[in-house]
Amino acid sequence: MSIAVLSDMDLGARRASAVSLTKQLVARLADIGVDAKIFGSLSSGKFNAQSDIDLLVTECPRHLKYKIEGLVEDGLPGFRFDVVYLDEIPAHRRHRFLETVTDAGDLR
């Protein structure tokens, strides 16, 4: 079945899986000193069949930077994702991200 023709039930199950996996992933990242928030469609409630999972890394030990993508890939099987590092966002754009982030524990 193509992602584009997911039924409402399948989409609900896909979203539930995305929420569950994201919560688990963010908890694992926190265990190693990485603070990650969620933004985008999963955070805003607009998650759909084409959505990816967007993570904003707000704190990260220097030695783990750029190694996180592998952990995210392993933690979100079957989902596309983006990892954005807060310290790499130009200062004049940071507010746009910070205004829309959600803690993984608040995802429903």
C-alpha atoms as a PDB file:
ATOM      1  CA  MET A   1       0.000   0.000   0.000  1.00  0.00           C
ATOM      2  CA  SER A   2       1.334   3.402  -0.883  1.00  0.00           C
ATOM      3  CA  ILE A   3       1.724   5.964   1.890  1.00  0.00           C
ATOM      4  CA  ALA A   4      -0.469   8.348  -0.109  1.00  0.00           C
ATOM      5  CA  VAL A   5      -3.513   6.076   0.220  1.00  0.00           C
ATOM      6  CA  LEU A   6      -3.387   5.320   3.938  1.00  0.00           C
ATOM      7  CA  SER A   7      -6.829   5.088   5.473  1.00  0.00           C
ATOM      8  CA  ASP A   8      -7.730   7.235   8.468  1.00  0.00           C
ATOM      9  CA  MET A   9      -7.217   4.191  10.701  1.00  0.00           C
ATOM     10  CA  ASP A  10      -3.803   3.488   9.181  1.00  0.00           C
ATOM     11  CA  LEU A  11      -2.867   7.150   9.504  1.00  0.00           C
ATOM     12  CA  GLY A  12      -3.921   7.097  13.158  1.00  0.00           C
ATOM     13  CA  ALA A  13      -1.788   4.019  13.746  1.00  0.00           C
ATOM     14  CA  ARG A  14       1.136   5.635  11.923  1.00  0.00           C
ATOM     15  CA  ARG A  15       0.824   8.764  14.053  1.00  0.00           C
ATOM     16  CA  ALA A  16       0.557   6.707  17.252  1.00  0.00           C
ATOM     17  CA  SER A  17       3.695   4.820  16.246  1.00  0.00           C
ATOM     18  CA  ALA A  18       5.505   8.088  15.480  1.00  0.00           C
ATOM     19  CA  VAL A  19       4.548   9.504  18.888  1.00  0.00           C
ATOM     20  CA  SER A  20       5.568   6.367  20.758  1.00  0.00           C
ATOM     21  CA  LEU A  21       8.898   5.963  18.962  1.00  0.00           C
ATOM     22  CA  THR A  22       9.687   9.680  19.305  1.00  0.00           C
ATOM     23  CA  LYS A  23       9.046   9.617  23.051  1.00  0.00           C
ATOM     24  CA  GLN A  24      11.311   6.584  23.445  1.00  0.00           C
ATOM     25  CA  LEU A  25      14.021   8.142  21.283  1.00  0.00           C
ATOM     26  CA  VAL A  26      14.019  11.473  23.113  1.00  0.00           C
ATOM     27  CA  ALA A  27      14.276   9.631  26.441  1.00  0.00           C
ATOM     28  CA  ARG A  28      17.285   7.641  25.140  1.00  0.00           C
ATOM     29  CA  LEU A  29      18.895  10.843  23.886  1.00  0.00           C
ATOM     30  CA  ALA A  30      18.338  12.480  27.283  1.00  0.00           C
ATOM     31  CA  ASP A  31      20.111   9.548  28.940  1.00  0.00           C
ATOM     32  CA  ILE A  32      23.289  10.470  27.021  1.00  0.00           C
ATOM     33  CA  GLY A  33      23.016  14.213  27.651  1.00  0.00           C
ATOM     34  CA  VAL A  34      21.158  15.317  24.520  1.00  0.00           C
ATOM     35  CA  ASP A  35      18.108  17.565  24.841  1.00  0.00           C
ATOM     36  CA  ALA A  36      15.797  17.302  21.858  1.00  0.00           C
ATOM     37  CA  LYS A  37      12.415  18.901  21.233  1.00  0.00           C
ATOM     38  CA  ILE A  38       9.828  18.161  18.576  1.00  0.00           C
ATOM     39  CA  PHE A  39       8.617  20.658  15.980  1.00  0.00           C
ATOM     40  CA  GLY A  40       6.752  20.489  12.713  1.00  0.00           C
ATOM     41  CA  SER A  41       3.668  18.457  11.904  1.00  0.00           C
ATOM     42  CA  LEU A  42       3.994  15.947  14.756  1.00  0.00           C
ATOM     43  CA  SER A  43       4.165  18.816  17.234  1.00  0.00           C
ATOM     44  CA  SER A  44       1.399  20.886  15.650  1.00  0.00           C
ATOM     45  CA  GLY A  45      -1.105  18.064  15.209  1.00  0.00           C
ATOM     46  CA  LYS A  46      -0.903  18.198  11.400  1.00  0.00           C
ATOM     47  CA  PHE A  47       0.948  14.891  10.987  1.00  0.00           C
ATOM     48  CA  ASN A  48      -0.104  13.126   7.780  1.00  0.00           C
ATOM     49  CA  ALA A  49       0.941  10.302   5.482  1.00  0.00           C
ATOM     50  CA  GLN A  50       3.840  12.296   4.005  1.00  0.00           C
ATOM     51  CA  SER A  51       5.077  13.790   7.283  1.00  0.00           C
ATOM     52  CA  ASP A  52       8.525  13.311   8.672  1.00  0.00           C
ATOM     53  CA  ILE A  53       9.585  13.694  12.291  1.00  0.00           C
ATOM     54  CA  ASP A  54      11.401  16.934  13.086  1.00  0.00           C
ATOM     55  CA  LEU A  55      13.791  17.123  16.033  1.00  0.00           C
ATOM     56  CA  LEU A  56      15.421  20.273  17.362  1.00  0.00           C
ATOM     57  CA  VAL A  57      18.556  19.499  19.368  1.00  0.00           C
ATOM     58  CA  THR A  58      18.872  22.247  21.960  1.00  0.00           C
ATOM     59  CA  GLU A  59      21.738  20.784  23.999  1.00  0.00           C
ATOM     60  CA  CYS A  60      24.292  18.195  23.000  1.00  0.00           C
ATOM     61  CA  PRO A  61      27.721  17.155  24.260  1.00  0.00           C
ATOM     62  CA  ARG A  62      30.223  18.208  21.623  1.00  0.00           C
ATOM     63  CA  HIS A  63      31.499  14.663  21.036  1.00  0.00           C
ATOM     64  CA  LEU A  64      27.994  13.462  20.124  1.00  0.00           C
ATOM     65  CA  LYS A  65      27.171  16.149  17.625  1.00  0.00           C
ATOM     66  CA  TYR A  66      26.518  14.623  14.209  1.00  0.00           C
ATOM     67  CA  LYS A  67      26.476  11.128  15.711  1.00  0.00           C
ATOM     68  CA  ILE A  68      22.902  11.740  16.744  1.00  0.00           C
ATOM     69  CA  GLU A  69      21.539  11.104  13.250  1.00  0.00           C
ATOM     70  CA  GLY A  70      22.489   7.425  13.482  1.00  0.00           C
ATOM     71  CA  LEU A  71      20.736   7.112  16.829  1.00  0.00           C
ATOM     72  CA  VAL A  72      17.677   8.842  15.399  1.00  0.00           C
ATOM     73  CA  GLU A  73      17.640   6.618  12.327  1.00  0.00           C
ATOM     74  CA  ASP A  74      17.800   3.519  14.524  1.00  0.00           C
ATOM     75  CA  GLY A  75      15.122   4.899  16.852  1.00  0.00           C
ATOM     76  CA  LEU A  76      12.615   5.891  14.175  1.00  0.00           C
ATOM     77  CA  PRO A  77      12.439   2.897  11.828  1.00  0.00           C
ATOM     78  CA  GLY A  78      10.144   3.492   8.887  1.00  0.00           C
ATOM     79  CA  PHE A  79      10.009   7.259   9.369  1.00  0.00           C
ATOM     80  CA  ARG A  80      11.815  10.034   7.556  1.00  0.00           C
ATOM     81  CA  PHE A  81      13.275  12.628   9.913  1.00  0.00           C
ATOM     82  CA  ASP A  82      15.130  15.901  10.149  1.00  0.00           C
ATOM     83  CA  VAL A  83      17.577  16.806  12.903  1.00  0.00           C
ATOM     84  CA  VAL A  84      18.209  20.525  13.379  1.00  0.00           C
ATOM     85  CA  TYR A  85      20.792  21.864  15.821  1.00  0.00           C
ATOM     86  CA  LEU A  86      19.733  25.022  17.635  1.00  0.00           C
ATOM     87  CA  ASP A  87      23.287  26.383  17.688  1.00  0.00           C
ATOM     88  CA  GLU A  88      23.414  26.203  13.873  1.00  0.00           C
ATOM     89  CA  ILE A  89      20.257  28.245  13.314  1.00  0.00           C
ATOM     90  CA  PRO A  90      20.973  31.914  12.657  1.00  0.00           C
ATOM     91  CA  ALA A  91      20.054  33.981  15.710  1.00  0.00           C
ATOM     92  CA  HIS A  92      17.380  35.930  13.836  1.00  0.00           C
ATOM     93  CA  ARG A  93      15.544  32.664  12.983  1.00  0.00           C
ATOM     94  CA  ARG A  94      15.778  30.807  16.305  1.00  0.00           C
ATOM     95  CA  HIS A  95      12.572  32.275  17.681  1.00  0.00           C
ATOM     96  CA  ARG A  96      10.640  30.654  14.822  1.00  0.00           C
ATOM     97  CA  PHE A  97      11.760  27.221  15.992  1.00  0.00           C
ATOM     98  CA  LEU A  98      11.579  27.860  19.718  1.00  0.00           C
ATOM     99  CA  GLU A  99       8.011  29.177  19.516  1.00  0.00           C
ATOM    100  CA  THR A 100       6.738  25.925  18.036  1.00  0.00           C
ATOM    101  CA  VAL A 101       8.674  23.190  19.834  1.00  0.00           C
ATOM    102  CA  THR A 102       7.037  20.601  22.036  1.00  0.00           C
ATOM    103  CA  ASP A 103       8.538  18.341  24.648  1.00  0.00           C
ATOM    104  CA  ALA A 104       8.181  14.727  23.541  1.00  0.00           C
ATOM    105  CA  GLY A 105       6.335  13.932  26.765  1.00  0.00           C
ATOM    106  CA  ASP A 106       3.601  16.355  25.738  1.00  0.00           C
ATOM    107  CA  LEU A 107       2.907  14.615  22.410  1.00  0.00           C
ATOM    108  CA  ARG A 108      -0.533  13.012  22.224  1.00  0.00           C
END
